[in-house]
Protein backbone atom coordinates (compact mmCIF):
# COMPACT_ATOMS: atom_id res chain seq x y z
CA MET A 1 -36.08 -3.30 -25.25
CA LYS A 2 -33.12 -5.14 -27.41
CA LYS A 3 -32.56 -2.17 -29.34
CA ILE A 4 -32.91 0.17 -25.87
CA ASN A 5 -30.18 -2.47 -24.31
CA GLY A 6 -27.63 -2.37 -26.96
CA LEU A 7 -28.18 1.28 -27.48
CA PHE A 8 -26.71 1.63 -23.44
CA LEU A 9 -24.25 -1.18 -24.16
CA PHE A 10 -22.60 0.53 -27.18
CA LEU A 11 -22.53 3.19 -24.47
CA SER A 12 -20.84 1.32 -21.82
CA VAL A 13 -18.31 0.01 -24.31
CA ILE A 14 -17.63 3.83 -25.38
CA PHE A 15 -17.11 4.30 -21.37
CA LEU A 16 -15.74 1.06 -21.07
CA MET A 17 -12.74 2.09 -23.77
CA ALA A 18 -12.33 5.66 -22.55
CA LEU A 19 -11.71 4.15 -19.08
CA MET A 20 -8.80 2.54 -20.75
CA ILE A 21 -7.16 4.60 -22.69
CA VAL A 22 -7.06 7.20 -19.37
CA ALA A 23 -5.66 4.31 -17.48
CA VAL A 24 -2.94 3.33 -20.35
CA ILE A 25 -1.88 6.95 -20.31
CA ASN A 26 -1.86 7.66 -16.76
CA MET A 27 0.51 4.77 -16.52
CA ILE A 28 2.64 6.00 -19.50
CA LEU A 29 2.77 9.68 -18.04
CA ARG A 30 3.25 8.51 -14.43
CA PRO A 31 7.46 7.69 -14.36
CA PHE A 32 7.67 10.64 -16.07
CA GLY A 33 6.07 13.12 -12.80
CA HIS A 34 3.17 14.03 -15.23
CA PRO A 35 0.65 12.08 -14.01
CA LEU A 36 -3.22 12.82 -15.68
CA VAL A 37 -5.32 15.02 -12.96
CA GLY A 38 -8.23 13.43 -12.49
CA SER A 39 -7.69 10.27 -13.77
CA PHE A 40 -9.01 8.28 -10.66
CA GLU A 41 -11.79 10.28 -10.68
CA LEU A 42 -12.68 9.64 -14.16
CA MET A 43 -12.00 6.11 -14.13
CA GLY A 44 -14.50 5.96 -10.71
CA TYR A 45 -16.95 7.95 -12.99
CA ALA A 46 -15.99 5.41 -16.38
CA SER A 47 -16.56 2.72 -13.61
CA ALA A 48 -20.06 3.39 -12.84
CA LEU A 49 -21.60 4.48 -15.93
CA VAL A 50 -19.68 1.30 -17.76
CA THR A 51 -21.25 -0.95 -14.92
CA ALA A 52 -24.85 0.59 -14.89
CA PHE A 53 -24.75 0.71 -18.40
CA GLY A 54 -24.40 -2.95 -18.89
CA LEU A 55 -27.48 -4.18 -16.50
CA GLY A 56 -29.98 -4.00 -18.75
CA TYR A 57 -28.07 -6.19 -21.08
CA SER A 58 -27.08 -8.85 -18.81
CA GLN A 59 -30.63 -9.18 -17.80
CA GLU A 60 -31.61 -9.28 -21.49
CA LYS A 61 -29.23 -12.05 -22.04
CA ARG A 62 -29.50 -13.95 -18.48
CA GLY A 63 -26.11 -13.24 -17.79
CA HIS A 64 -26.48 -13.01 -13.95
CA ILE A 65 -25.70 -15.97 -12.05
CA SER A 66 -28.63 -18.10 -10.43
CA VAL A 67 -28.27 -20.27 -7.75
CA ASP A 68 -31.05 -23.27 -8.43
CA ILE A 69 -29.65 -26.16 -6.34
CA LEU A 70 -33.03 -26.53 -4.87
CA PHE A 71 -35.27 -24.87 -7.72
CA LYS A 72 -34.75 -27.13 -9.85
CA HIS A 73 -36.07 -30.01 -8.19
CA LEU A 74 -39.51 -28.01 -7.51
CA PRO A 75 -42.45 -28.97 -9.33
CA ARG A 76 -43.18 -26.95 -12.76
CA LYS A 77 -46.25 -25.03 -11.57
CA LEU A 78 -44.11 -23.55 -8.27
CA LYS A 79 -41.31 -22.36 -10.37
CA ALA A 80 -43.36 -20.80 -12.71
CA ILE A 81 -44.95 -18.86 -9.37
CA LEU A 82 -41.78 -18.31 -7.26
CA SER A 83 -40.01 -16.86 -10.74
CA PHE A 84 -43.01 -14.91 -11.22
CA ILE A 85 -42.92 -13.42 -7.90
CA GLY A 86 -38.86 -13.00 -7.63
CA GLY A 87 -39.30 -11.34 -11.08
CA THR A 88 -41.26 -8.97 -9.50
CA LEU A 89 -39.98 -8.17 -6.72
CA SER A 90 -36.18 -7.72 -8.82
CA GLY A 91 -37.88 -5.18 -10.78
CA ALA A 92 -40.09 -3.50 -7.84
CA PHE A 93 -36.16 -3.32 -5.81
CA PHE A 94 -33.61 -1.93 -8.80
CA LEU A 95 -37.56 0.32 -9.82
CA LEU A 96 -36.72 1.59 -5.90
CA CYS A 97 -33.24 1.63 -6.26
CA ALA A 98 -33.49 3.89 -9.66
CA TYR A 99 -35.84 6.44 -7.94
CA LYS A 100 -33.49 6.63 -5.02
CA MET A 101 -30.46 7.77 -7.44
CA LEU A 102 -32.53 9.99 -9.43
CA MET A 103 -33.44 11.85 -6.02
CA LEU A 104 -29.34 11.36 -5.41
CA GLY A 105 -29.02 12.92 -8.51
CA ILE A 106 -31.35 16.21 -7.92
CA THR A 107 -30.36 16.82 -4.88
CA TYR A 108 -26.44 16.71 -6.20
CA ILE A 109 -27.96 19.51 -9.35
CA LYS A 110 -29.23 21.08 -6.59
CA SER A 111 -26.73 21.45 -4.28
CA GLY A 112 -24.41 22.24 -7.31
CA GLU A 113 -21.83 19.61 -5.21
CA LEU A 114 -18.64 18.96 -7.71
CA SER A 115 -15.69 16.07 -7.47
CA GLU A 116 -12.43 17.33 -5.33
CA THR A 117 -10.08 17.40 -7.79
CA LEU A 118 -11.23 18.33 -11.88
CA ASN A 119 -14.46 19.83 -10.00
CA PHE A 120 -16.65 18.21 -12.52
CA PRO A 121 -20.07 17.81 -10.81
CA PHE A 122 -21.42 14.53 -9.82
CA TYR A 123 -25.31 14.51 -11.10
CA PRO A 124 -24.96 13.25 -14.57
CA VAL A 125 -22.94 9.97 -13.14
CA THR A 126 -25.47 9.05 -10.49
CA LEU A 127 -28.40 10.21 -13.24
CA GLY A 128 -26.52 7.78 -15.60
CA VAL A 129 -26.44 5.19 -12.69
CA ALA A 130 -30.14 6.22 -12.33
CA LEU A 131 -31.42 5.24 -15.97
CA GLY A 132 -28.94 2.31 -16.29
CA LEU A 133 -30.23 0.96 -12.74
CA PHE A 134 -34.17 1.25 -14.33
CA LEU A 135 -33.50 0.09 -17.43
CA LEU A 136 -32.91 -3.25 -15.29
CA ALA A 137 -35.95 -2.74 -14.02
CA ILE A 138 -37.81 -2.36 -17.05
CA ASN A 139 -35.86 -5.84 -18.36
CA CYS A 140 -37.04 -7.53 -15.02
CA ILE A 141 -40.80 -6.76 -15.20
CA TYR A 142 -40.53 -7.78 -18.99
CA ALA A 143 -39.02 -10.79 -18.82
CA THR A 144 -41.16 -11.39 -15.70
CA PHE A 145 -44.38 -10.82 -17.73
CA LYS A 146 -43.51 -12.35 -21.36
CA GLY A 147 -42.26 -15.70 -19.10
CA ALA A 148 -45.84 -15.76 -17.58
CA PHE A 149 -48.14 -15.68 -20.70
CA LEU A 150 -45.36 -17.51 -22.99
CA ARG A 151 -46.24 -20.23 -19.88
CA GLU A 152 -49.85 -20.17 -19.88
CA LYS A 153 -49.84 -20.43 -23.69
CA ASN A 154 -47.43 -24.12 -23.36
C-alpha cells in the first residue's frame, strides 16, 4: 500500500505544482489583457485530482481529523469494536463513492461531454477522482483489518 500511496502522492504534488504554475502565469498575464484561456477550468481539474490523489496517503498516515472526546473514555474492547465497525463502514462508504464516480465517468465517456472553455472531456478527471476514492476505501479497509488482527495478537 505504501508504494501505491506514495505514487499517488507524487502525482498529487505534480498536479499541485501545475496548478500553481497556471495560477501564477494567469496572474502575470491578466493585467496585460492576456489571461490564460481556461485557467479556471484547469485549476478546478487539478484541484480535484490533488485532493483525490492525496486521500490514500492521508489515510495511511492517519492525517484526517478525528474527534475522540468520548471515545477515549470507553473501555478498550468497546473501542476496538467501534473502530472496526467505523473503519468497515468508512471503507464501504468510500467504495460506494468510488463506484458512483466511476459510473459518472462512464456516463461522461458515452455522452462525450466537454468543458465549456477548453472543450476538455470531463471523464479523465472524474475517473481520476474515482481512483483516488477507491484508494481511500482500500486504505480504510486495510487499516481496519490490520488493526483488528494486531489487537487480537496483543
